[in-house]
Amino acid sequence: MFNALNGMGGGGQVNGDVSAKANTALYACFAVFGVIAGAIHNMLGSKLLMLIGSLTYVLYAGSYLSYNHTGSSGFSIAAGAILGIGAALLWTAQGAIMMSYPTEDRKGRFISTFWVIFNLGGVIGGIIPLIANFHSTARSVNDGTYIAFIVIMAAASAIPLLMVSPRAMVRDDGTQVVMEKSRGVKEEVMGMLKAFTDWRMLCLLPMFLASNWFYSYQFDGYNAPLFTVRTRGLNNVFYWGAQMAGALGICYYLDSPRFKRSTKAVCSLLAMAVAFCVVWGGGLAQQLQYTAETAKQDIDFTDSSRAAGPIVLYTFYGLLDAILQSWCYWIMGALTNEPSVLARYAGLYKGVQSAGGAISWAIASGKVSLLTQLIINWGLLVVAVVPAYFVARQVEDTSSDKPQQPAADLVQMSDKNFQPPSV
């Protein structure tokens, strides 16, 4: 729902500055807490982090409903900062689970399954403003749109309470998911330092930084200034739908047994680099036709001669986003199987990613030209491929962690009558 809300451009508001400032605060807090969220996860566990994190999304959506009536930006900016903390907790727990639960040959499948469910929310969220504002000529969404988002977010926040404990999970190969309890703050600090100074993580930092940088441009610099409100909603259906297809496609390849993992890592990265140039090259051709000052928010899907090309381009932006982020998760999951280490990797990934988001939203709120924003995005993505290439070449056919203990042995040690469900 958050994706759909932001995908409308300006959070669905006429004044995009409020959304830009709220998102700057969001990603700045996300960057700080993302770095330490792995340690918090290892001490408090996944369920609690997901519960707390989910509730902060409700507050964020509510702040835009409040802005519709008060016109005060303070609440939205504060809600953005609080969401930054909550999102760091939620996404770190999610990443740790997604990368550590599956066997090595199914990590791509777990990533794509998550990404499909995740972006199904974006598709549904895109339909909401499309229907709610179908006959509206206003340039911002109505109260009903925000209320729908709030209700769905609030209901979903209770789902973490139903989660099965990770220690009750058994993989298909008979090994158990072992979430070792942290022995204290000192151990987590040392673990973070070790993870963050790993040369492979350092080489991936530019890719992490670039992986959310483009949202400010795509949402507020492309979707919002060019299209009518209802068409923005339709665009998001295509944008997030394309993400589902992109994740399924790349993860199917990454799980293929026909090729070595290092081959798959390198080939998929190089294919992404080519795709970056093709799609963002098309974006440049489109961007040269308008500026922030000349855009009229008048492209409607009923005018196919004008809308077809821009909508297709926006769809491909979504496709590339899913491919890029799925690759990042898969490459981290290919480096280790240890849940505690993967939690730190996930926190680092989301922290650095959010730092890029904070900078990009700050650039957008600073009125930097849209053409400059596009060039920055394109350049970052291409440059990030170079150091990531060296990591891709080092991926081994199996991670070098210590062998995992069969679940049967662990169950016998703890409770002979305990029969955990399989994943």
Protein backbone atom coordinates (compact mmCIF):
# COMPACT_ATOMS: atom_id res chain seq x y z
CA MET A 1 0.00 0.00 0.00
CA PHE A 2 2.89 2.36 0.73
CA ASN A 3 4.23 1.75 -2.77
CA ALA A 4 0.87 2.56 -4.32
CA LEU A 5 0.48 5.68 -2.19
CA ASN A 6 3.83 7.07 -3.21
CA GLY A 7 3.51 5.83 -6.77
CA MET A 8 0.70 8.31 -7.38
CA GLY A 9 3.29 11.07 -7.07
CA GLY A 10 3.31 13.49 -4.16
CA GLY A 11 1.42 10.95 -2.04
CA GLY A 12 -1.62 11.80 -4.16
CA GLN A 13 -1.40 15.49 -3.24
CA VAL A 14 -1.18 18.55 -5.46
CA ASN A 15 1.76 19.82 -3.41
CA GLY A 16 4.51 17.29 -4.02
CA ASP A 17 6.87 19.17 -1.68
CA VAL A 18 5.12 17.69 1.36
CA SER A 19 5.63 14.14 0.12
CA ALA A 20 9.23 14.88 -0.85
CA LYS A 21 10.04 16.24 2.61
CA ALA A 22 8.20 13.40 4.36
CA ASN A 23 10.10 10.85 2.30
CA THR A 24 13.39 12.60 2.92
CA ALA A 25 12.77 12.27 6.67
CA LEU A 26 11.61 8.69 6.15
CA TYR A 27 14.67 7.51 4.26
CA ALA A 28 17.09 9.44 6.46
CA CYS A 29 15.76 7.64 9.57
CA PHE A 30 15.56 4.40 7.61
CA ALA A 31 19.23 4.73 6.68
CA VAL A 32 20.34 5.20 10.28
CA PHE A 33 18.17 2.51 11.84
CA GLY A 34 18.60 0.12 8.91
CA VAL A 35 22.28 -0.21 9.69
CA ILE A 36 21.60 -1.26 13.29
CA ALA A 37 18.32 -3.11 12.69
CA GLY A 38 20.15 -6.39 12.06
CA ALA A 39 21.51 -6.30 15.59
CA ILE A 40 18.08 -5.40 16.99
CA HIS A 41 16.57 -8.29 15.03
CA ASN A 42 19.03 -10.79 16.44
CA MET A 43 18.17 -9.67 19.97
CA LEU A 44 14.36 -9.27 19.70
CA GLY A 45 13.34 -11.62 16.88
CA SER A 46 11.37 -11.32 13.65
CA LYS A 47 7.78 -11.29 14.94
CA LEU A 48 8.15 -8.29 17.24
CA LEU A 49 10.03 -6.26 14.63
CA MET A 50 7.40 -6.95 11.98
CA LEU A 51 4.55 -5.99 14.31
CA ILE A 52 6.10 -2.69 15.35
CA GLY A 53 7.19 -1.87 11.82
CA SER A 54 3.77 -2.55 10.28
CA LEU A 55 1.95 -0.16 12.63
CA THR A 56 4.06 2.80 11.54
CA TYR A 57 2.71 2.52 7.98
CA VAL A 58 -0.82 3.19 9.25
CA LEU A 59 0.36 6.43 10.85
CA TYR A 60 2.02 7.52 7.60
CA ALA A 61 -1.14 7.04 5.52
CA GLY A 62 -3.18 8.80 8.20
CA SER A 63 -0.92 11.84 8.00
CA TYR A 64 -1.91 12.42 4.37
CA LEU A 65 -5.60 12.18 5.27
CA SER A 66 -4.92 14.81 7.94
CA TYR A 67 -3.11 16.99 5.41
CA ASN A 68 -6.21 16.92 3.17
CA HIS A 69 -8.06 18.82 5.91
CA THR A 70 -5.45 20.84 7.77
CA GLY A 71 -2.87 21.66 5.13
CA SER A 72 -0.20 21.24 7.81
CA SER A 73 2.91 19.42 6.62
CA GLY A 74 4.45 18.89 10.08
CA PHE A 75 2.44 15.75 10.86
CA SER A 76 3.30 14.16 7.50
CA ILE A 77 7.02 14.85 7.90
CA ALA A 78 7.03 13.50 11.49
CA ALA A 79 5.06 10.43 10.38
CA GLY A 80 7.62 9.90 7.63
CA ALA A 81 10.45 9.93 10.17
CA ILE A 82 8.63 7.45 12.43
CA LEU A 83 7.92 5.23 9.45
CA GLY A 84 11.63 5.28 8.61
CA ILE A 85 12.35 3.64 11.97
CA GLY A 86 9.51 1.15 11.64
CA ALA A 87 10.37 0.25 8.06
CA ALA A 88 13.96 -0.49 9.05
CA LEU A 89 12.68 -3.02 11.58
CA LEU A 90 10.12 -4.58 9.24
CA TRP A 91 12.37 -4.89 6.21
CA THR A 92 15.30 -6.29 8.13
CA ALA A 93 13.13 -9.03 9.61
CA GLN A 94 11.60 -9.72 6.20
CA GLY A 95 14.98 -9.93 4.50
CA ALA A 96 16.42 -12.23 7.14
CA ILE A 97 13.50 -14.64 6.84
CA MET A 98 13.38 -14.56 3.04
CA MET A 99 17.08 -15.28 2.60
CA SER A 100 17.62 -17.78 5.43
CA TYR A 101 14.52 -20.01 5.26
CA PRO A 102 15.03 -21.63 1.82
CA THR A 103 17.55 -24.18 0.66
CA GLU A 104 20.23 -22.81 -1.66
CA ASP A 105 18.48 -23.99 -4.80
CA ARG A 106 15.21 -22.24 -3.85
CA LYS A 107 16.39 -18.83 -2.72
CA GLY A 108 15.27 -17.26 -5.97
CA ARG A 109 11.83 -18.82 -5.59
CA PHE A 110 11.43 -17.41 -2.09
CA ILE A 111 12.50 -13.95 -3.28
CA SER A 112 10.11 -14.01 -6.23
CA THR A 113 7.24 -15.32 -4.09
CA PHE A 114 7.76 -12.46 -1.68
CA TRP A 115 8.07 -9.94 -4.50
CA VAL A 116 4.82 -11.11 -6.13
CA ILE A 117 2.87 -10.81 -2.87
CA PHE A 118 4.58 -7.51 -2.05
CA ASN A 119 3.71 -5.94 -5.39
CA LEU A 120 0.24 -7.41 -5.50
CA GLY A 121 -0.34 -4.83 -2.77
CA GLY A 122 0.93 -2.16 -5.14
CA VAL A 123 -1.41 -3.39 -7.89
CA ILE A 124 -4.43 -3.37 -5.57
CA GLY A 125 -3.30 -0.02 -4.23
CA GLY A 126 -3.16 1.31 -7.80
CA ILE A 127 -6.73 0.15 -8.46
CA ILE A 128 -8.03 2.02 -5.39
CA PRO A 129 -7.23 5.57 -6.63
CA LEU A 130 -8.21 4.58 -10.17
CA ILE A 131 -11.73 3.63 -9.04
CA ALA A 132 -12.12 6.21 -6.28
CA ASN A 133 -11.12 9.08 -8.57
CA PHE A 134 -12.36 7.77 -11.91
CA HIS A 135 -14.83 10.62 -12.47
CA SER A 136 -12.88 13.22 -10.53
CA THR A 137 -11.22 16.20 -12.19
CA ALA A 138 -9.29 17.15 -9.04
CA ARG A 139 -5.52 16.98 -9.06
CA SER A 140 -5.28 15.27 -5.65
CA VAL A 141 -6.98 12.09 -4.40
CA ASN A 142 -10.07 12.15 -2.16
CA ASP A 143 -10.46 11.14 1.50
CA GLY A 144 -11.91 7.75 0.60
CA THR A 145 -8.67 6.76 -1.09
CA TYR A 146 -6.64 7.42 2.07
CA ILE A 147 -9.22 5.73 4.29
CA ALA A 148 -9.02 2.60 2.15
CA PHE A 149 -5.23 2.57 2.52
CA ILE A 150 -5.48 3.05 6.30
CA VAL A 151 -8.01 0.22 6.76
CA ILE A 152 -5.95 -2.26 4.72
CA MET A 153 -2.68 -1.31 6.46
CA ALA A 154 -4.26 -1.56 9.92
CA ALA A 155 -5.73 -4.99 9.22
CA ALA A 156 -2.42 -6.26 7.84
CA SER A 157 -0.51 -5.08 10.90
CA ALA A 158 -1.98 -7.94 12.91
CA ILE A 159 -0.56 -10.62 10.61
CA PRO A 160 2.85 -10.88 12.37
CA LEU A 161 1.01 -12.14 15.47
CA LEU A 162 0.08 -15.26 13.47
CA MET A 163 3.63 -16.05 12.34
CA VAL A 164 5.11 -19.43 13.21
CA SER A 165 8.35 -19.22 15.15
CA PRO A 166 11.45 -19.59 12.91
CA ARG A 167 12.83 -22.34 15.15
CA ALA A 168 9.79 -24.45 14.21
CA MET A 169 10.74 -24.38 10.52
CA VAL A 170 12.39 -27.27 8.66
CA ARG A 171 13.69 -27.00 5.11
CA ASP A 172 12.98 -29.53 2.38
CA ASP A 173 16.43 -31.04 2.80
CA GLY A 174 15.76 -31.82 6.47
CA THR A 175 17.85 -29.00 7.97
CA GLN A 176 16.34 -26.66 10.52
CA VAL A 177 16.28 -22.88 10.35
CA VAL A 178 18.46 -22.01 13.33
CA MET A 179 17.95 -18.45 14.56
CA GLU A 180 20.63 -18.30 17.22
CA LYS A 181 19.80 -15.99 20.10
CA SER A 182 22.15 -13.07 20.40
CA ARG A 183 24.50 -13.18 23.35
CA GLY A 184 24.43 -9.41 23.81
CA VAL A 185 25.11 -5.96 22.42
CA LYS A 186 28.88 -6.44 22.23
CA GLU A 187 28.55 -9.53 20.07
CA GLU A 188 26.13 -7.76 17.72
CA VAL A 189 28.40 -4.73 17.39
CA MET A 190 31.31 -6.98 16.48
CA GLY A 191 29.10 -8.91 14.09
CA MET A 192 27.97 -5.71 12.38
CA LEU A 193 31.54 -4.50 11.98
CA LYS A 194 32.56 -7.81 10.46
CA ALA A 195 29.64 -7.81 8.03
CA PHE A 196 30.02 -4.17 7.07
CA THR A 197 33.75 -4.46 6.39
CA ASP A 198 33.40 -7.55 4.20
CA TRP A 199 34.90 -6.51 0.86
CA ARG A 200 31.98 -8.09 -0.96
CA MET A 201 29.51 -5.90 0.91
CA LEU A 202 31.65 -2.84 0.22
CA CYS A 203 31.61 -3.63 -3.51
CA LEU A 204 27.82 -3.96 -3.43
CA LEU A 205 27.26 -0.62 -1.67
CA PRO A 206 26.90 1.40 -4.92
CA MET A 207 24.24 -1.03 -6.13
CA PHE A 208 22.46 -0.81 -2.78
CA LEU A 209 22.64 2.99 -2.93
CA ALA A 210 21.15 3.12 -6.42
CA SER A 211 18.37 0.59 -5.80
CA ASN A 212 15.81 3.09 -4.42
CA TRP A 213 17.31 6.31 -5.75
CA PHE A 214 15.05 6.39 -8.80
CA TYR A 215 11.70 6.41 -6.96
CA SER A 216 11.67 10.18 -6.43
CA TYR A 217 12.18 10.76 -10.14
CA GLN A 218 9.81 8.05 -11.37
CA PHE A 219 6.96 8.98 -9.00
CA ASP A 220 7.27 12.76 -8.59
CA GLY A 221 9.25 13.60 -11.71
CA TYR A 222 7.47 11.37 -14.21
CA ASN A 223 4.13 9.93 -13.07
CA ALA A 224 2.87 12.97 -11.14
CA PRO A 225 3.59 15.82 -13.59
CA LEU A 226 2.48 14.07 -16.78
CA PHE A 227 -0.67 12.08 -16.01
CA THR A 228 -4.19 12.64 -14.66
CA VAL A 229 -4.95 11.25 -11.19
CA ARG A 230 -6.87 8.24 -12.46
CA THR A 231 -4.18 7.45 -15.01
CA ARG A 232 -1.55 7.58 -12.26
CA GLY A 233 -3.50 4.84 -10.50
CA LEU A 234 -3.63 2.80 -13.72
CA ASN A 235 0.10 3.38 -14.23
CA ASN A 236 0.79 1.90 -10.82
CA VAL A 237 -1.20 -1.21 -11.69
CA PHE A 238 1.17 -1.71 -14.62
CA TYR A 239 4.27 -0.59 -12.68
CA TRP A 240 3.80 -2.98 -9.77
CA GLY A 241 2.40 -5.70 -12.00
CA ALA A 242 5.58 -5.53 -14.08
CA GLN A 243 7.55 -5.92 -10.86
CA MET A 244 5.80 -9.22 -10.21
CA ALA A 245 6.72 -10.42 -13.70
CA GLY A 246 10.30 -9.15 -13.42
CA ALA A 247 10.92 -10.91 -10.11
CA LEU A 248 9.48 -14.18 -11.39
CA GLY A 249 11.59 -14.01 -14.53
CA ILE A 250 14.99 -13.30 -13.00
CA CYS A 251 14.47 -15.62 -10.03
CA TYR A 252 13.45 -18.48 -12.30
CA TYR A 253 16.79 -18.03 -14.06
CA LEU A 254 18.75 -17.64 -10.82
CA ASP A 255 17.34 -20.93 -9.49
CA SER A 256 17.99 -22.80 -12.74
CA PRO A 257 20.16 -25.90 -12.16
CA ARG A 258 21.51 -25.72 -15.73
CA PHE A 259 24.16 -23.14 -14.91
CA LYS A 260 26.73 -22.54 -12.17
CA ARG A 261 25.79 -19.92 -9.61
CA SER A 262 28.73 -17.71 -10.58
CA THR A 263 27.66 -17.87 -14.24
CA LYS A 264 24.11 -16.91 -13.35
CA ALA A 265 25.32 -14.06 -11.14
CA VAL A 266 27.56 -12.55 -13.85
CA CYS A 267 25.22 -13.04 -16.81
CA SER A 268 22.19 -11.61 -15.00
CA LEU A 269 24.23 -8.59 -13.87
CA LEU A 270 25.47 -7.85 -17.39
CA ALA A 271 21.95 -8.27 -18.79
CA MET A 272 20.75 -5.74 -16.20
CA ALA A 273 23.41 -3.27 -17.30
CA VAL A 274 22.18 -3.46 -20.90
CA ALA A 275 18.57 -3.10 -19.77
CA PHE A 276 19.47 -0.03 -17.69
CA CYS A 277 20.86 1.69 -20.77
CA VAL A 278 17.93 0.77 -23.02
CA VAL A 279 15.14 1.77 -20.61
CA TRP A 280 16.77 4.91 -19.23
CA GLY A 281 17.72 5.88 -22.77
CA GLY A 282 14.01 5.76 -23.57
CA GLY A 283 13.40 7.80 -20.44
CA LEU A 284 15.83 10.45 -21.68
CA ALA A 285 13.97 10.70 -24.99
CA GLN A 286 10.71 11.23 -23.06
CA GLN A 287 12.24 13.68 -20.57
CA LEU A 288 13.52 15.96 -23.33
CA GLN A 289 9.89 16.67 -24.24
CA TYR A 290 8.91 18.37 -20.95
CA THR A 291 10.13 20.08 -17.79
CA ALA A 292 8.60 20.45 -14.33
CA GLU A 293 7.31 23.87 -15.39
CA THR A 294 5.75 22.83 -18.71
CA ALA A 295 4.15 19.52 -17.62
CA LYS A 296 0.35 19.79 -17.41
CA GLN A 297 -0.80 16.52 -15.76
CA ASP A 298 -3.10 16.02 -18.73
CA ILE A 299 -2.11 12.67 -20.24
CA ASP A 300 -5.09 10.35 -19.81
CA PHE A 301 -5.26 6.66 -20.70
CA THR A 302 -8.31 7.33 -22.91
CA ASP A 303 -6.02 9.15 -25.35
CA SER A 304 -4.02 6.15 -26.52
CA SER A 305 -1.99 8.10 -29.06
CA ARG A 306 -0.42 10.19 -26.28
CA ALA A 307 -0.54 7.76 -23.37
CA ALA A 308 0.72 4.47 -24.83
CA GLY A 309 4.44 5.26 -25.00
CA PRO A 310 4.74 7.00 -21.61
CA ILE A 311 2.74 4.22 -19.89
CA VAL A 312 4.92 1.49 -21.45
CA LEU A 313 8.07 3.33 -20.31
CA TYR A 314 6.73 3.61 -16.76
CA THR A 315 5.93 -0.12 -16.84
CA PHE A 316 9.52 -0.95 -17.80
CA TYR A 317 10.78 1.24 -14.94
CA GLY A 318 8.88 -1.08 -12.60
CA LEU A 319 10.19 -4.19 -14.32
CA LEU A 320 13.80 -3.08 -13.86
CA ASP A 321 13.23 -2.19 -10.20
CA ALA A 322 12.14 -5.75 -9.38
CA ILE A 323 14.98 -7.31 -11.35
CA LEU A 324 17.56 -5.11 -9.62
CA GLN A 325 16.32 -5.68 -6.07
CA SER A 326 15.74 -9.40 -6.58
CA TRP A 327 19.32 -9.69 -7.80
CA CYS A 328 20.62 -7.84 -4.73
CA TYR A 329 18.75 -10.16 -2.37
CA TRP A 330 19.84 -13.26 -4.27
CA ILE A 331 23.51 -12.27 -4.32
CA MET A 332 23.47 -11.67 -0.55
CA GLY A 333 21.73 -14.99 0.00
CA ALA A 334 24.37 -16.69 -2.17
CA LEU A 335 27.18 -15.44 0.09
CA THR A 336 26.01 -17.13 3.30
CA ASN A 337 23.28 -19.27 4.86
CA GLU A 338 23.68 -17.98 8.42
CA PRO A 339 20.42 -16.24 9.53
CA SER A 340 22.18 -13.86 11.93
CA VAL A 341 24.63 -12.75 9.22
CA LEU A 342 21.83 -12.41 6.67
CA ALA A 343 19.93 -10.20 9.11
CA ARG A 344 22.94 -7.89 9.25
CA TYR A 345 23.26 -7.97 5.46
CA ALA A 346 19.55 -7.14 5.10
CA GLY A 347 19.88 -4.25 7.54
CA LEU A 348 22.93 -2.91 5.73
CA TYR A 349 21.19 -3.25 2.37
CA LYS A 350 18.08 -1.41 3.50
CA GLY A 351 20.11 1.20 5.36
CA VAL A 352 22.31 2.09 2.40
CA GLN A 353 19.37 1.83 0.02
CA SER A 354 17.43 4.26 2.18
CA ALA A 355 20.37 6.65 2.37
CA GLY A 356 20.17 6.81 -1.42
CA GLY A 357 16.42 7.36 -1.17
CA ALA A 358 16.88 10.18 1.34
CA ILE A 359 19.40 11.93 -0.89
CA SER A 360 17.24 11.55 -3.99
CA TRP A 361 14.12 12.89 -2.28
CA ALA A 362 16.16 15.79 -0.91
CA ILE A 363 17.37 16.50 -4.44
CA ALA A 364 13.77 16.41 -5.69
CA SER A 365 12.58 18.80 -2.97
CA GLY A 366 15.50 21.08 -3.83
CA LYS A 367 13.99 21.71 -7.27
CA VAL A 368 16.86 20.14 -9.21
CA SER A 369 15.83 19.83 -12.85
CA LEU A 370 14.17 16.59 -13.89
CA LEU A 371 16.74 16.07 -16.64
CA THR A 372 19.56 16.26 -14.09
CA GLN A 373 17.74 13.80 -11.83
CA LEU A 374 17.39 11.34 -14.72
CA ILE A 375 21.08 11.57 -15.60
CA ILE A 376 22.07 10.98 -11.96
CA ASN A 377 19.85 7.90 -11.78
CA TRP A 378 21.14 6.43 -15.00
CA GLY A 379 24.77 7.14 -14.11
CA LEU A 380 24.49 5.59 -10.65
CA LEU A 381 23.01 2.37 -12.00
CA VAL A 382 25.69 1.94 -14.65
CA VAL A 383 28.57 2.76 -12.30
CA ALA A 384 27.24 0.35 -9.66
CA VAL A 385 27.56 -2.57 -12.06
CA VAL A 386 31.38 -2.36 -12.08
CA PRO A 387 32.20 -3.26 -8.43
CA ALA A 388 29.20 -5.63 -8.28
CA TYR A 389 30.78 -7.60 -11.14
CA PHE A 390 33.71 -8.63 -8.92
CA VAL A 391 31.32 -9.97 -6.28
CA ALA A 392 29.32 -11.87 -8.89
CA ARG A 393 32.48 -13.59 -10.09
CA GLN A 394 33.24 -14.79 -6.55
CA VAL A 395 29.90 -16.54 -5.98
CA GLU A 396 30.46 -20.25 -5.31
CA ASP A 397 28.19 -23.17 -6.13
CA THR A 398 27.48 -23.55 -2.43
CA SER A 399 27.97 -21.15 0.46
CA SER A 400 31.00 -21.85 2.64
CA ASP A 401 29.14 -21.85 5.96
CA LYS A 402 29.54 -24.67 8.40
CA PRO A 403 27.25 -27.62 7.59
CA GLN A 404 23.77 -27.19 8.98
CA GLN A 405 22.63 -29.70 11.54
CA PRO A 406 19.77 -31.94 10.44
CA ALA A 407 16.49 -30.96 12.04
CA ALA A 408 15.98 -34.46 13.43
CA ASP A 409 19.13 -34.14 15.55
CA LEU A 410 18.10 -30.73 16.85
CA VAL A 411 14.62 -31.92 17.69
CA GLN A 412 16.03 -34.92 19.55
CA MET A 413 18.26 -32.62 21.58
CA SER A 414 15.44 -30.29 22.58
CA ASP A 415 12.12 -32.15 22.57
CA LYS A 416 11.62 -35.66 21.26
CA ASN A 417 7.88 -35.11 20.92
CA PHE A 418 8.22 -31.87 19.00
CA GLN A 419 7.42 -32.22 15.27
CA PRO A 420 8.07 -28.96 13.41
CA PRO A 421 6.22 -28.19 10.19
CA SER A 422 8.20 -28.17 6.98
CA VAL A 423 8.80 -25.18 4.77
